[in-house]
């Protein structure tokens, strides 16, 4: 019987009798044949799939099992694709998280080069400033520290060169005294005591901020501007003092001077202090004392203004001055500095800015940006022991080295610094090599 006749008989009214039963049997048989053909076709199409999964079923059971297995495969493939995307993303993230920090890549051939991590991934990651500070306390010389917090300058997030956000807007809360003029500020400081917060607003650039009275070890005296508060320089000659949020303009160098213990100076800007007295140095900042913290300051446009004086971003020495131990210099920007970003002379540097009793020891110089114009190095360290120099960016113009270690500056640790326009990370004297950890020195200091 032709298929066309089946289709014609399908719509014919039922009239009963043996003939009807015969026709029904024929129709049912045809339907079964169609189902068998369909199942056979699908089973054959999925046969290779069944073999792949080692299934022994056949017929309808094989069909269902195959479809279920295919569903699982599709899910696995989607998961695999997702995992591949995750792996790709992770690989991308690892690539962008690498710190340009391989000082060992410095060339001995005398050509200018930039140090690169060459694919070295972060060994420690910080997502906020508190975490970064914790990491810095335990980081080793082989660590590459990546900071993934928010940049105060760009507002973006992502892996950056190990450093914390730049200077932030100071928060003038819980003020015990508010002043808006120079005379009121002088009176408030004279009457201040430990735990006081003196909040300052306005343009006080006619006078230098002088702090001759501090607080106590547990309760420092805090003098805080709002980030736009102008003063004609800052001098702290006391201990247990916190100074924050000032713009230093038209200052006689140094722009900021610290003499005492447990002083914190942060979120301040020093712009172009003037050299006075003919041969006086035109430094942005000087410091003398123990447990000093210099964090998140910007010091820029430091030059001798035609004199023969040095013009460093920061300087310390010990001849007739106190040595400095337990120092933290972190997250600062030294921009357009004529000479060095740091000139440090400890008590052992007799006859050249050093001398006197005591020692200068245990310094951390981290996450700073330093741009020098005409120096032979960025940091010059003389007679200071146990200095950690890590995660800084040093920018120069065809300099031989970034860091000079001289006159028994032993126990130094140098790691993860980025060099731009500088051939090598370190130059070192023979008497500074004891306990040194870091890239091989490139000649002397």
Protein backbone atom coordinates (compact mmCIF):
# COMPACT_ATOMS: atom_id res chain seq x y z
CA UNK A 1 0.00 0.00 0.00
CA UNK A 2 1.33 3.29 -1.06
CA UNK A 3 2.13 6.03 1.52
CA UNK A 4 -0.29 8.35 -0.25
CA UNK A 5 -3.07 5.88 0.32
CA UNK A 6 -2.22 5.67 4.04
CA UNK A 7 -2.52 9.41 4.26
CA UNK A 8 -5.87 9.24 2.29
CA UNK A 9 -7.24 6.46 4.52
CA UNK A 10 -6.21 8.41 7.68
CA UNK A 11 -8.99 10.93 7.21
CA UNK A 12 -11.73 8.46 6.17
CA UNK A 13 -14.71 8.12 8.59
CA UNK A 14 -14.85 4.94 10.68
CA UNK A 15 -17.74 2.60 9.66
CA UNK A 16 -17.04 -0.45 11.89
CA UNK A 17 -16.58 -4.14 11.05
CA UNK A 18 -13.57 -6.42 10.30
CA UNK A 19 -12.43 -4.13 7.53
CA UNK A 20 -12.13 -1.31 10.01
CA UNK A 21 -10.11 -3.44 12.42
CA UNK A 22 -7.83 -4.49 9.61
CA UNK A 23 -7.30 -0.90 8.56
CA UNK A 24 -6.58 0.14 12.19
CA UNK A 25 -4.02 -2.64 12.54
CA UNK A 26 -2.33 -1.53 9.36
CA UNK A 27 -2.23 2.10 10.52
CA UNK A 28 -0.80 1.17 13.96
CA UNK A 29 1.80 -1.02 12.31
CA UNK A 30 2.81 1.84 10.04
CA UNK A 31 3.14 4.20 13.00
CA UNK A 32 5.36 1.73 14.85
CA UNK A 33 7.52 1.38 11.75
CA UNK A 34 7.92 5.14 11.57
CA UNK A 35 8.94 5.31 15.26
CA UNK A 36 11.42 2.45 14.82
CA UNK A 37 12.96 4.14 11.77
CA UNK A 38 13.24 7.47 13.65
CA UNK A 39 14.82 5.86 16.71
CA UNK A 40 17.22 3.85 14.57
CA UNK A 41 18.27 7.00 12.68
CA UNK A 42 18.88 9.03 15.87
CA UNK A 43 20.67 6.14 17.55
CA UNK A 44 23.00 5.73 14.59
CA UNK A 45 23.71 9.47 14.55
CA UNK A 46 24.63 9.37 18.22
CA UNK A 47 26.48 6.10 18.05
CA UNK A 48 29.91 7.68 18.14
CA UNK A 49 28.83 9.72 21.15
CA UNK A 50 27.73 6.56 22.98
CA UNK A 51 30.99 4.84 22.20
CA UNK A 52 32.91 7.83 23.55
CA UNK A 53 31.14 7.53 26.89
CA UNK A 54 31.28 3.70 26.95
CA UNK A 55 27.46 3.29 27.06
CA UNK A 56 26.00 -0.19 26.32
CA UNK A 57 22.32 0.74 25.97
CA UNK A 58 20.38 0.58 22.69
CA UNK A 59 17.06 1.73 21.26
CA UNK A 60 15.03 4.33 23.23
CA UNK A 61 17.22 3.90 26.33
CA UNK A 62 20.30 4.67 24.29
CA UNK A 63 18.64 7.71 22.78
CA UNK A 64 17.71 9.17 26.21
CA UNK A 65 21.10 8.36 27.70
CA UNK A 66 22.85 9.95 24.73
CA UNK A 67 20.83 13.15 24.98
CA UNK A 68 21.50 13.37 28.70
CA UNK A 69 25.17 12.80 28.11
CA UNK A 70 25.20 15.46 25.42
CA UNK A 71 23.57 17.88 27.84
CA UNK A 72 26.33 17.15 30.33
CA UNK A 73 28.93 17.63 27.60
CA UNK A 74 27.43 20.97 26.61
CA UNK A 75 27.51 22.03 30.24
CA UNK A 76 31.11 20.88 30.52
CA UNK A 77 32.02 22.73 27.34
CA UNK A 78 30.38 25.91 28.60
CA UNK A 79 32.19 25.52 31.91
CA UNK A 80 35.43 24.89 30.03
CA UNK A 81 34.85 28.01 27.95
CA UNK A 82 34.12 29.96 31.10
CA UNK A 83 37.23 28.55 32.76
CA UNK A 84 39.25 29.46 29.68
CA UNK A 85 37.92 32.99 29.84
CA UNK A 86 38.73 33.11 33.57
CA UNK A 87 42.21 31.78 32.89
CA UNK A 88 42.67 34.34 30.16
CA UNK A 89 41.44 37.07 32.47
CA UNK A 90 43.72 35.81 35.22
CA UNK A 91 46.63 35.74 32.81
CA UNK A 92 45.84 39.26 31.68
CA UNK A 93 45.55 40.42 35.27
CA UNK A 94 48.84 38.77 36.16
CA UNK A 95 50.48 40.46 33.21
CA UNK A 96 49.19 43.91 34.12
CA UNK A 97 50.02 43.29 37.77
CA UNK A 98 53.71 42.77 37.18
CA UNK A 99 55.93 45.47 38.59
CA UNK A 100 58.67 46.95 36.43
CA UNK A 101 61.17 45.97 39.04
CA UNK A 102 63.93 43.67 37.84
CA UNK A 103 67.03 45.61 38.70
CA UNK A 104 69.12 42.67 37.52
CA UNK A 105 68.24 43.61 33.94
CA UNK A 106 70.42 46.71 34.18
CA UNK A 107 73.00 46.86 31.42
CA UNK A 108 76.75 46.95 32.08
CA UNK A 109 77.31 48.13 28.51
CA UNK A 110 76.58 51.72 29.42
CA UNK A 111 73.32 52.12 27.50
CA UNK A 112 70.27 53.67 29.12
CA UNK A 113 67.63 51.11 30.03
CA UNK A 114 64.48 50.73 32.06
CA UNK A 115 64.33 47.86 34.54
CA UNK A 116 61.48 45.46 33.90
CA UNK A 117 59.98 42.56 35.82
CA UNK A 118 59.94 40.57 32.56
CA UNK A 119 56.69 38.85 33.43
CA UNK A 120 57.33 38.36 37.14
CA UNK A 121 53.95 38.30 38.89
CA UNK A 122 53.02 39.94 42.15
CA UNK A 123 54.10 37.99 45.19
CA UNK A 124 52.07 40.18 47.54
CA UNK A 125 48.95 42.20 46.74
CA UNK A 126 47.40 45.03 48.74
CA UNK A 127 43.93 46.42 48.11
CA UNK A 128 44.11 49.30 50.56
CA UNK A 129 46.71 51.42 52.27
CA UNK A 130 46.46 49.65 55.64
CA UNK A 131 47.11 46.31 53.95
CA UNK A 132 50.03 47.78 52.05
CA UNK A 133 51.63 49.02 55.25
CA UNK A 134 51.25 45.58 56.83
CA UNK A 135 52.85 43.92 53.82
CA UNK A 136 55.77 46.32 53.84
CA UNK A 137 56.69 45.25 57.35
CA UNK A 138 57.35 41.64 56.28
CA UNK A 139 58.22 41.90 52.57
CA UNK A 140 61.48 40.32 51.45
CA UNK A 141 63.93 41.39 48.81
CA UNK A 142 62.42 39.02 46.23
CA UNK A 143 58.85 40.23 46.73
CA UNK A 144 57.02 42.19 44.05
CA UNK A 145 54.32 44.19 45.83
CA UNK A 146 51.34 45.32 43.77
CA UNK A 147 48.81 47.86 44.98
CA UNK A 148 45.24 47.53 43.64
CA UNK A 149 43.56 50.33 45.51
CA UNK A 150 42.25 53.59 44.20
CA UNK A 151 44.53 56.21 42.74
CA UNK A 152 43.85 59.65 44.15
CA UNK A 153 45.12 61.27 40.96
CA UNK A 154 43.43 59.18 38.30
CA UNK A 155 40.50 57.73 40.24
CA UNK A 156 41.16 54.38 38.57
CA UNK A 157 41.88 51.03 40.13
CA UNK A 158 44.22 48.31 39.07
CA UNK A 159 47.74 47.02 39.59
CA UNK A 160 50.15 49.86 40.08
CA UNK A 161 53.86 50.16 40.87
CA UNK A 162 53.53 48.91 44.52
CA UNK A 163 52.60 52.36 45.82
CA UNK A 164 49.72 53.73 47.91
CA UNK A 165 47.37 56.47 46.68
CA UNK A 166 48.87 59.92 46.47
CA UNK A 167 48.21 62.72 48.90
CA UNK A 168 44.61 62.69 50.08
CA UNK A 169 42.37 65.49 51.27
CA UNK A 170 42.90 65.90 55.02
CA UNK A 171 39.86 65.36 57.20
CA UNK A 172 39.34 68.22 59.64
CA UNK A 173 37.19 66.45 62.18
CA UNK A 174 37.10 66.54 65.97
CA UNK A 175 38.89 69.90 66.03
CA UNK A 176 39.66 71.28 69.47
CA UNK A 177 40.54 74.66 67.95
CA UNK A 178 39.82 76.29 64.58
CA UNK A 179 41.92 79.17 63.28
CA UNK A 180 42.01 81.23 60.09
CA UNK A 181 44.95 83.62 60.62
CA UNK A 182 48.62 83.47 61.57
CA UNK A 183 48.31 85.10 65.00
CA UNK A 184 45.45 82.82 66.00
CA UNK A 185 47.52 79.81 64.90
CA UNK A 186 50.51 80.91 67.00
CA UNK A 187 48.30 81.31 70.07
CA UNK A 188 46.60 77.96 69.54
CA UNK A 189 49.93 76.13 69.27
CA UNK A 190 51.31 77.89 72.38
CA UNK A 191 48.26 76.81 74.38
CA UNK A 192 48.05 73.36 72.80
CA UNK A 193 48.58 70.06 74.58
CA UNK A 194 48.73 66.39 73.75
CA UNK A 195 45.64 65.17 71.93
CA UNK A 196 44.65 68.61 70.61
CA UNK A 197 43.65 68.97 66.95
CA UNK A 198 44.23 72.48 65.68
CA UNK A 199 42.42 72.92 62.36
CA UNK A 200 43.63 75.69 60.05
CA UNK A 201 41.97 77.24 57.00
CA UNK A 202 42.80 80.15 54.75
CA UNK A 203 45.87 81.88 53.34
CA UNK A 204 48.55 82.21 56.01
CA UNK A 205 51.40 82.56 53.54
CA UNK A 206 52.68 85.72 55.21
CA UNK A 207 54.25 83.69 58.04
CA UNK A 208 56.09 80.41 58.60
CA UNK A 209 54.32 77.76 60.67
CA UNK A 210 56.51 77.19 63.76
CA UNK A 211 55.66 74.36 66.15
CA UNK A 212 57.86 74.43 69.25
CA UNK A 213 55.55 72.48 71.53
CA UNK A 214 54.43 68.90 71.06
CA UNK A 215 52.21 66.34 72.68
CA UNK A 216 52.93 63.02 74.35
CA UNK A 217 53.85 59.59 73.04
CA UNK A 218 50.25 58.40 73.05
CA UNK A 219 48.64 61.76 72.25
CA UNK A 220 50.49 63.88 69.71
CA UNK A 221 49.66 67.50 68.99
CA UNK A 222 48.01 67.66 65.57
CA UNK A 223 48.06 70.76 63.36
CA UNK A 224 46.00 70.14 60.25
CA UNK A 225 45.20 72.25 57.21
CA UNK A 226 42.45 71.50 54.73
CA UNK A 227 44.77 70.75 51.82
CA UNK A 228 44.60 74.29 50.44
CA UNK A 229 45.85 76.09 53.58
CA UNK A 230 48.93 78.12 52.64
CA UNK A 231 51.90 78.83 54.90
CA UNK A 232 55.35 80.29 54.28
CA UNK A 233 57.22 77.17 55.33
CA UNK A 234 56.94 74.71 58.23
CA UNK A 235 59.35 74.19 61.14
CA UNK A 236 58.74 71.55 63.80
CA UNK A 237 61.13 71.78 66.77
CA UNK A 238 59.33 69.43 69.17
CA UNK A 239 58.42 65.76 69.59
CA UNK A 240 55.10 63.93 69.21
CA UNK A 241 53.72 66.21 66.51
CA UNK A 242 51.50 65.49 63.49
CA UNK A 243 51.42 68.08 60.66
CA UNK A 244 49.13 67.61 57.66
CA UNK A 245 47.34 69.37 54.83
CA UNK A 246 49.45 72.48 54.11
CA UNK A 247 50.73 74.11 50.94
CA UNK A 248 54.18 75.57 51.49
CA UNK A 249 54.71 78.59 49.21
CA UNK A 250 57.45 81.22 48.95
CA UNK A 251 59.40 79.53 51.73
CA UNK A 252 63.02 80.10 52.60
CA UNK A 253 64.64 76.68 52.19
CA UNK A 254 64.13 74.17 53.57
CA UNK A 255 60.43 74.24 52.87
CA UNK A 256 59.79 71.86 55.79
CA UNK A 257 62.26 71.27 58.64
CA UNK A 258 61.78 68.57 61.32
CA UNK A 259 63.81 68.43 64.53
CA UNK A 260 62.49 66.02 67.13
CA UNK A 261 61.19 62.50 67.70
CA UNK A 262 57.91 60.88 66.68
CA UNK A 263 57.01 63.50 64.08
CA UNK A 264 54.59 62.67 61.26
CA UNK A 265 54.37 64.99 58.26
CA UNK A 266 51.91 63.99 55.56
CA UNK A 267 49.70 65.26 52.73
CA UNK A 268 51.65 68.50 52.35
CA UNK A 269 52.98 70.21 49.23
CA UNK A 270 56.26 72.13 48.96
CA UNK A 271 56.76 74.13 45.78
CA UNK A 272 60.05 75.86 44.92
CA UNK A 273 61.56 77.06 48.21
CA UNK A 274 64.17 79.77 47.74
CA UNK A 275 67.86 79.51 48.65
CA UNK A 276 68.91 82.22 51.09
CA UNK A 277 72.22 83.42 52.47
CA UNK A 278 74.21 82.97 49.27
CA UNK A 279 75.47 79.39 49.58
CA UNK A 280 72.59 77.93 51.60
CA UNK A 281 71.13 74.69 50.26
CA UNK A 282 67.75 74.89 48.56
CA UNK A 283 66.28 71.71 50.06
CA UNK A 284 62.60 70.85 50.00
CA UNK A 285 62.74 69.10 53.40
CA UNK A 286 65.24 68.35 56.17
CA UNK A 287 64.78 65.96 59.07
CA UNK A 288 66.69 65.14 62.27
CA UNK A 289 65.46 62.69 64.94
CA UNK A 290 64.02 59.23 65.55
CA UNK A 291 60.67 57.68 64.58
CA UNK A 292 59.91 60.25 61.92
CA UNK A 293 57.28 59.48 59.26
CA UNK A 294 57.31 61.38 55.97
CA UNK A 295 54.33 60.13 53.98
CA UNK A 296 52.26 61.25 50.97
CA UNK A 297 53.92 64.63 50.47
CA UNK A 298 54.66 66.31 47.14
CA UNK A 299 57.90 68.28 46.86
CA UNK A 300 58.59 69.89 43.50
CA UNK A 301 60.61 72.47 41.57
CA UNK A 302 63.65 72.23 43.84
CA UNK A 303 66.64 74.08 42.37
CA UNK A 304 69.50 76.30 43.60
CA UNK A 305 68.19 79.31 41.67
CA UNK A 306 71.56 80.28 40.23
CA UNK A 307 73.67 79.64 43.34
CA UNK A 308 76.20 76.85 43.81
CA UNK A 309 74.14 75.28 46.62
CA UNK A 310 72.73 71.77 46.57
CA UNK A 311 69.00 71.47 46.02
CA UNK A 312 67.74 68.10 47.24
CA UNK A 313 64.19 66.91 47.76
CA UNK A 314 65.13 65.66 51.26
CA UNK A 315 68.31 65.85 53.30
CA UNK A 316 69.68 64.88 56.70
CA UNK A 317 73.13 65.00 58.31
CA UNK A 318 74.50 64.55 61.83
CA UNK A 319 77.28 67.06 62.32
CA UNK A 320 75.89 69.04 65.31
CA UNK A 321 72.50 67.46 64.59
CA UNK A 322 70.68 64.39 65.91
CA UNK A 323 71.00 61.11 63.99
CA UNK A 324 67.82 59.52 62.64
CA UNK A 325 66.66 55.96 63.29
CA UNK A 326 63.40 54.11 62.61
CA UNK A 327 62.52 56.37 59.70
CA UNK A 328 59.65 55.82 57.24
CA UNK A 329 59.60 57.72 53.93
CA UNK A 330 56.65 56.32 51.99
CA UNK A 331 54.38 57.37 49.12
CA UNK A 332 55.98 60.76 48.43
CA UNK A 333 56.50 62.50 45.10
CA UNK A 334 59.71 64.40 44.38
CA UNK A 335 59.24 66.15 41.01
CA UNK A 336 61.77 68.22 39.06
CA UNK A 337 64.54 67.99 41.64
CA UNK A 338 67.83 69.55 40.60
CA UNK A 339 70.02 67.25 42.68
CA UNK A 340 69.13 64.14 44.71
CA UNK A 341 65.80 63.01 46.03
CA UNK A 342 67.55 62.03 49.27
CA UNK A 343 70.96 63.03 50.62
CA UNK A 344 71.60 61.18 53.89
CA UNK A 345 74.78 61.43 55.99
CA UNK A 346 74.98 59.41 59.23
CA UNK A 347 77.36 59.82 62.17
CA UNK A 348 80.04 57.67 60.53
CA UNK A 349 80.43 60.12 57.67
CA UNK A 350 83.02 62.15 59.55
CA UNK A 351 84.14 65.34 57.85
CA UNK A 352 81.50 65.33 55.14
CA UNK A 353 78.29 66.39 56.82
CA UNK A 354 78.39 63.55 59.35
CA UNK A 355 80.04 62.98 62.70
CA UNK A 356 78.83 63.00 66.28
CA UNK A 357 77.48 60.28 68.60
CA UNK A 358 74.77 57.70 68.01
CA UNK A 359 73.76 55.95 64.81
CA UNK A 360 71.33 56.28 61.94
CA UNK A 361 69.68 52.90 61.43
CA UNK A 362 66.49 51.12 60.34
CA UNK A 363 65.07 53.17 57.50
CA UNK A 364 62.31 52.23 55.04
CA UNK A 365 62.17 54.17 51.78
CA UNK A 366 59.20 52.79 49.85
CA UNK A 367 56.66 53.62 47.15
CA UNK A 368 58.18 57.00 46.36
CA UNK A 369 58.39 58.69 42.96
CA UNK A 370 61.70 60.53 42.42
CA UNK A 371 62.60 62.60 39.37
CA UNK A 372 66.06 64.20 39.27
CA UNK A 373 67.47 66.59 36.70
CA UNK A 374 71.25 66.87 37.10
CA UNK A 375 72.29 64.48 39.89
CA UNK A 376 74.56 61.45 39.52
CA UNK A 377 72.17 59.30 41.58
CA UNK A 378 68.69 59.54 43.08
CA UNK A 379 69.38 58.37 46.66
CA UNK A 380 72.80 58.90 48.27
CA UNK A 381 73.13 56.98 51.54
CA UNK A 382 76.29 57.43 53.63
CA UNK A 383 76.93 55.79 57.02
CA UNK A 384 73.30 54.69 57.51
CA UNK A 385 72.69 51.02 58.35
CA UNK A 386 69.81 48.62 57.63
CA UNK A 387 68.02 50.65 54.98
CA UNK A 388 65.18 49.03 53.01
CA UNK A 389 64.64 50.60 49.59
CA UNK A 390 61.73 49.04 47.74
CA UNK A 391 58.93 49.72 45.27
CA UNK A 392 60.17 53.17 44.30
CA UNK A 393 60.17 54.70 40.82
CA UNK A 394 63.41 56.47 39.96
CA UNK A 395 63.54 58.78 36.95
CA UNK A 396 66.71 60.36 35.60
CA UNK A 397 68.56 61.09 32.40
CA UNK A 398 71.17 58.48 31.54
CA UNK A 399 72.32 58.06 35.14
CA UNK A 400 74.78 55.30 36.02
CA UNK A 401 72.84 54.25 39.13
CA UNK A 402 69.76 55.02 41.18
CA UNK A 403 71.17 54.37 44.67
CA UNK A 404 74.60 55.03 46.14
CA UNK A 405 75.57 53.11 49.32
CA UNK A 406 78.77 54.43 50.88
CA UNK A 407 80.80 54.61 54.12
CA UNK A 408 79.66 51.43 55.88
CA UNK A 409 76.01 51.63 54.87
CA UNK A 410 75.70 47.93 55.66
CA UNK A 411 72.66 45.68 55.84
CA UNK A 412 70.79 47.40 52.99
CA UNK A 413 67.94 45.63 51.20
CA UNK A 414 67.02 46.80 47.69
CA UNK A 415 64.10 45.33 45.75
CA UNK A 416 61.32 45.95 43.21
CA UNK A 417 62.34 49.44 42.15
CA UNK A 418 61.51 50.79 38.70
CA UNK A 419 64.28 52.57 36.82
CA UNK A 420 63.65 55.05 34.02
CA UNK A 421 66.67 56.50 32.23
CA UNK A 422 68.99 54.86 34.77
CA UNK A 423 71.44 52.07 33.96
CA UNK A 424 71.70 50.22 37.27
CA UNK A 425 69.97 50.05 40.62
CA UNK A 426 72.94 50.25 42.99
CA UNK A 427 76.52 51.49 43.23
CA UNK A 428 78.29 50.43 46.42
CA UNK A 429 81.51 50.87 48.35
CA UNK A 430 83.38 47.76 49.49
CA UNK A 431 82.74 48.57 53.15
CA UNK A 432 78.95 48.67 52.55
CA UNK A 433 78.60 45.12 51.21
CA UNK A 434 78.17 43.34 54.53
CA UNK A 435 74.61 42.02 54.88
CA UNK A 436 73.51 43.51 51.54
CA UNK A 437 70.54 41.93 49.74
CA UNK A 438 69.51 43.02 46.28
CA UNK A 439 70.63 43.28 42.66
CA UNK A 440 74.39 43.09 42.00
CA UNK A 441 76.07 46.48 42.50
CA UNK A 442 77.21 48.29 39.39
CA UNK A 443 80.52 49.84 40.39
CA UNK A 444 81.09 52.20 43.29
CA UNK A 445 78.84 54.80 44.88
